[in-house]
Amino acid sequence: MPKRYWLFKSEPSEFSIDDLAHSPGQTAPWSGVRNYQSRNTLRDLVQVGDEVLFYHSSTDVVGVAGIAEVVRSGYPDHTARDRTNPYFDPKATEQNPIWFMVDVKFKLKLPDVIPLAVLRQTKGLEKMMVCQKGSRLSIQPVTAKEWGVIQKLSRQLD
């Protein structure tokens, strides 16, 4: 199966690229996803070796903050069964977990966030899901071409 690319959104006040970089082994679960379309993507499509644009949302400068790699494919999100967790779901059980997560490993923090405004103005990213008005999914596919364009943008920040 060919390598796939993704954009994972997180509010940095909840979990940031720095949090991932300082996690044990620089690896952490991507948990708490509570949208069925994103859940299906995590469960069925995201695989070990896929690369991830770590995107900071709901902050002063929204945009791509770093790169991660998937190191464990979809498995039941145990936070859904933890009553003390803000992502608790009373319908989730061990037999019917409902929600899924993956594990990601830190690869790179960009020297500066690539802002959404820059992404929207960059040739080759016109159709990128995150650049579309109203696109709110926390897990989004990224094409190999889009990945390449963003890699070039990130090198321009060095």
Protein backbone atom coordinates (compact mmCIF):
# COMPACT_ATOMS: atom_id res chain seq x y z
CA MET A 1 0.00 0.00 0.00
CA PRO A 2 1.43 3.41 -0.92
CA LYS A 3 2.29 5.89 1.80
CA ARG A 4 -0.51 8.26 2.64
CA TYR A 5 -0.41 11.78 3.97
CA TRP A 6 -2.75 13.44 6.45
CA LEU A 7 -3.42 16.67 8.26
CA PHE A 8 -4.34 16.24 11.94
CA LYS A 9 -5.77 19.30 13.70
CA SER A 10 -5.26 19.97 17.37
CA GLU A 11 -5.79 22.97 19.57
CA PRO A 12 -2.33 23.69 21.04
CA SER A 13 -3.92 24.40 24.42
CA GLU A 14 -5.03 20.72 24.38
CA PHE A 15 -2.09 19.06 22.59
CA SER A 16 0.65 20.84 20.63
CA ILE A 17 3.63 19.86 18.52
CA ASP A 18 5.76 20.71 21.59
CA ASP A 19 3.68 18.35 23.71
CA LEU A 20 4.33 15.58 21.20
CA ALA A 21 8.06 16.40 21.12
CA HIS A 22 8.19 16.08 24.92
CA SER A 23 6.08 12.91 25.16
CA PRO A 24 7.85 9.72 26.27
CA GLY A 25 9.68 8.40 23.22
CA GLN A 26 8.29 11.44 21.38
CA THR A 27 5.22 9.27 20.77
CA ALA A 28 1.62 9.79 21.86
CA PRO A 29 -1.88 8.59 21.05
CA TRP A 30 -4.04 10.82 18.87
CA SER A 31 -7.16 10.40 20.96
CA GLY A 32 -10.38 12.27 21.61
CA VAL A 33 -11.63 12.37 18.01
CA ARG A 34 -15.43 12.47 18.23
CA ASN A 35 -16.53 12.91 14.63
CA TYR A 36 -17.70 9.81 12.79
CA GLN A 37 -16.03 10.65 9.47
CA SER A 38 -12.69 11.32 11.18
CA ARG A 39 -13.17 8.21 13.32
CA ASN A 40 -13.66 6.10 10.19
CA THR A 41 -10.51 7.58 8.67
CA LEU A 42 -8.47 6.77 11.79
CA ARG A 43 -9.95 3.29 12.05
CA ASP A 44 -9.87 2.27 8.38
CA LEU A 45 -7.36 4.35 6.43
CA VAL A 46 -4.53 5.78 8.54
CA GLN A 47 -1.67 3.27 8.63
CA VAL A 48 1.78 2.84 10.16
CA GLY A 49 4.32 4.84 8.15
CA ASP A 50 1.83 7.47 6.99
CA GLU A 51 3.03 11.02 7.50
CA VAL A 52 1.07 13.75 9.26
CA LEU A 53 1.00 17.52 9.06
CA PHE A 54 0.50 18.58 12.68
CA TYR A 55 -1.90 21.53 12.41
CA HIS A 56 -2.59 23.98 15.25
CA SER A 57 -6.19 25.23 15.27
CA SER A 58 -8.11 27.63 17.50
CA THR A 59 -5.07 29.76 18.26
CA ASP A 60 -3.67 33.15 17.21
CA VAL A 61 -1.83 31.70 14.20
CA VAL A 62 -3.58 28.62 12.83
CA GLY A 63 -1.56 26.48 10.50
CA VAL A 64 0.98 23.70 10.04
CA ALA A 65 3.29 23.54 13.06
CA GLY A 66 5.21 20.34 12.41
CA ILE A 67 5.44 16.81 11.07
CA ALA A 68 4.64 13.49 12.73
CA GLU A 69 4.55 9.88 11.60
CA VAL A 70 1.93 7.24 12.37
CA VAL A 71 3.53 4.45 14.40
CA ARG A 72 0.40 2.50 15.38
CA SER A 73 -2.69 2.17 13.23
CA GLY A 74 -6.27 2.49 14.48
CA TYR A 75 -7.26 0.91 17.78
CA PRO A 76 -10.07 1.58 20.29
CA ASP A 77 -9.86 4.95 22.03
CA HIS A 78 -9.93 4.08 25.71
CA THR A 79 -10.58 7.73 26.69
CA ALA A 80 -14.18 7.22 25.55
CA ARG A 81 -14.68 4.83 28.50
CA ASP A 82 -12.95 7.03 31.09
CA ARG A 83 -15.60 8.94 33.03
CA THR A 84 -13.01 11.53 34.13
CA ASN A 85 -11.95 12.28 30.55
CA PRO A 86 -13.55 15.24 28.73
CA TYR A 87 -14.05 12.92 25.72
CA PHE A 88 -16.00 10.31 27.72
CA ASP A 89 -18.83 8.69 25.76
CA PRO A 90 -21.29 6.67 27.88
CA LYS A 91 -22.26 4.59 24.82
CA ALA A 92 -18.71 3.30 24.29
CA THR A 93 -18.00 -0.14 25.74
CA GLU A 94 -15.14 -2.60 25.51
CA GLN A 95 -17.26 -4.74 23.17
CA ASN A 96 -18.38 -1.70 21.14
CA PRO A 97 -15.63 0.91 21.47
CA ILE A 98 -17.22 3.35 18.94
CA TRP A 99 -14.16 5.67 18.84
CA PHE A 100 -10.66 4.95 17.56
CA MET A 101 -7.20 6.53 17.78
CA VAL A 102 -3.72 6.08 16.32
CA ASP A 103 -0.27 6.67 17.79
CA VAL A 104 1.98 9.32 16.25
CA LYS A 105 5.67 10.04 16.66
CA PHE A 106 7.29 13.46 16.49
CA LYS A 107 9.46 14.09 13.44
CA LEU A 108 9.88 17.85 13.11
CA LYS A 109 8.77 21.16 14.54
CA LEU A 110 8.76 23.92 11.94
CA PRO A 111 10.71 27.06 12.86
CA ASP A 112 7.47 29.01 12.31
CA VAL A 113 3.89 27.88 11.80
CA ILE A 114 2.88 27.97 8.14
CA PRO A 115 -0.31 30.03 8.50
CA LEU A 116 -3.57 29.01 6.88
CA ALA A 117 -3.55 32.35 5.03
CA VAL A 118 -0.25 31.35 3.36
CA LEU A 119 -1.57 27.88 2.53
CA ARG A 120 -4.61 29.44 0.85
CA GLN A 121 -2.39 31.71 -1.29
CA THR A 122 0.06 28.99 -2.36
CA LYS A 123 -0.10 27.57 -5.87
CA GLY A 124 -0.81 23.85 -5.74
CA LEU A 125 -2.84 23.98 -2.53
CA GLU A 126 -6.04 25.43 -3.99
CA LYS A 127 -7.94 22.15 -3.54
CA MET A 128 -6.39 21.17 -0.21
CA MET A 129 -9.22 20.37 2.20
CA VAL A 130 -7.98 22.65 5.01
CA CYS A 131 -7.96 25.59 2.57
CA GLN A 132 -11.67 25.20 1.79
CA LYS A 133 -14.16 27.42 3.59
CA GLY A 134 -16.15 25.48 6.17
CA SER A 135 -13.73 22.55 6.26
CA ARG A 136 -13.71 21.54 9.91
CA LEU A 137 -12.69 17.86 9.98
CA SER A 138 -9.87 17.18 12.42
CA ILE A 139 -8.42 14.39 10.26
CA GLN A 140 -8.00 15.26 6.58
CA PRO A 141 -6.31 13.59 3.62
CA VAL A 142 -3.40 15.37 1.95
CA THR A 143 -2.29 14.46 -1.56
CA ALA A 144 1.34 13.64 -2.32
CA LYS A 145 1.48 16.80 -4.46
CA GLU A 146 0.14 18.96 -1.60
CA TRP A 147 2.62 17.30 0.77
CA GLY A 148 5.46 18.25 -1.59
CA VAL A 149 4.31 21.86 -1.83
CA ILE A 150 4.17 22.15 1.96
CA GLN A 151 7.64 20.58 2.27
CA LYS A 152 8.96 23.32 -0.04
CA LEU A 153 7.18 25.99 2.01
CA SER A 154 8.69 24.62 5.23
CA ARG A 155 12.23 24.75 3.76
CA GLN A 156 11.66 28.41 2.92
CA LEU A 157 11.18 29.03 6.65
CA ASP A 158 14.67 27.78 7.56
